[in-house]
Amino acid sequence: MAKVILANNWFAPNRGGFGGQRFRKSPDGDPVDIPNRLLKYLPKTAKIVDEDYVAPHVIAAKQQEAKDLDEFRAMDDETTKVLEKAGIIDTKYNPFVGKEATADADVEDPAEEAKISQRAQDADAARKKRAEFRKAQEAERNASNKD
């Protein structure tokens, strides 16, 4: 048996009683034991190493944070953390809090509450106008198709 570092997974040819055997590439780059009679069929990307070969293990690099990338992302991250600590926003997902909970949230300022209700009324009125307009267009199309 010889130690070989494979670049990809390798299927041995049907020679020497090892037909169709698969030799997997190690993700760490560790060598794989392959029978000597199959060495001549190895792919060009395979490297034969000595018996006492030890694969060098790479130390994982420090993960970059947003502040390492650019200052705008860093400011955004810091702002979110500060607002979360202050209790102004909640960044944790809560599946039980939906549109109803945010729509029924208590508004402390009466003027703000009036603005919100006015916007809702305006949106309803616009929705009704669009529906009436579509009905009128459809009636025109139906009338022109009958002629």
Foldseek 3Di string as FASTA:
>chain_A
DFWKADPAKDAFPPPDPRHRDIDGHDPQRGTDDDDPVRVVVDDPRMDTDDPPDDRDGDDDDDDDDPVVVDDVSVVVVVVVVVCVVVVNDPPDDDPVDDPVNVVPPDDPDVVVVVVVVVVVVVVVVVVVVVVVVVVVVVVVVVVVVVD
